[in-house]
Amino acid sequence: MNTKQILSYLADLSENNNREWYHAHKTEFKEANAQFEALVQELILNIGRYDSSILHNEAKNLTFKLVRDTRFSHDKSPYNPAFRAHIGPEGKLPVPVGYYLMIKPGNQSFLGGGLFADMFKDATARIRDYIATNGQEWEEILKAPDFRKYFTVGGTALKNVPAGYDKEHPQAEYLKFKSWYLEYPIPDKLLLDGGEFLAEAVRLFQIMKPFNDFLNRALSGFQMPSR
């Protein structure tokens, strides 16, 4: 598993973030992208040993484009020098939640899980309700030794517990959240050994799985808004 080519290309793109350079180095992009898709396909097969819900996916359908939407951003650089993929039961859709990977040089890579998007009010409400009524199970997942060793729940949150929920609830802090996600940073040096990185990612995603499963039970029946 060759990941060096991925890091090398992205580092070069980061230093030459313009359309001229990008189009002049399409061959390098295709080679690095092929390596990334091969890595994602290996992740699918290995994660599939403990989570069969993602086995039907093809890597090429799970990746995100490098092109940035700069319309509302002060940063007008046209590309995001990162390879990203979401391995979920419904592909790269954010719901159901799955396993997220971003490779970005400069020690900015990470493994992720959970619900990153906070614009789906119905999804937020479903998860809050589920935490409120299944607080003990939520607590057990977050307090599992391996989980606590590697992960802390992140997400955008309100200042106060929203109306309709018990302010004294044991999980009141998590009822404030609008999204619930995990991020585990990956240093460049680990990515340089593709085999070692793959094994570590598969191991960490397995520790993450109960968290994802809880959220997906909460999100059962959720419909992605139509565009």
Foldseek 3Di string as FASTA:
>chain_A
DAQVLLAVVLVVCVVVLDPVVCVVPVVSVVVNVVVVQVLVLLLLVLLCVVPVLQVVDRSVQFWDAQADDCPPPPDPRGGNSKIKGFRDSVHNPPPLKGWIWIDHAPQPTKIKIWRADLPPQVLLVLLLVLCQVPVVLVVCLCPDVVNVVFWDWDADFDPAQDPPGDRPRPVSVVSRGSTTMTIGTDHPVCSNPSVSVSVVSSVVRVSCVVVSVSSNVSCVPPDDDDD
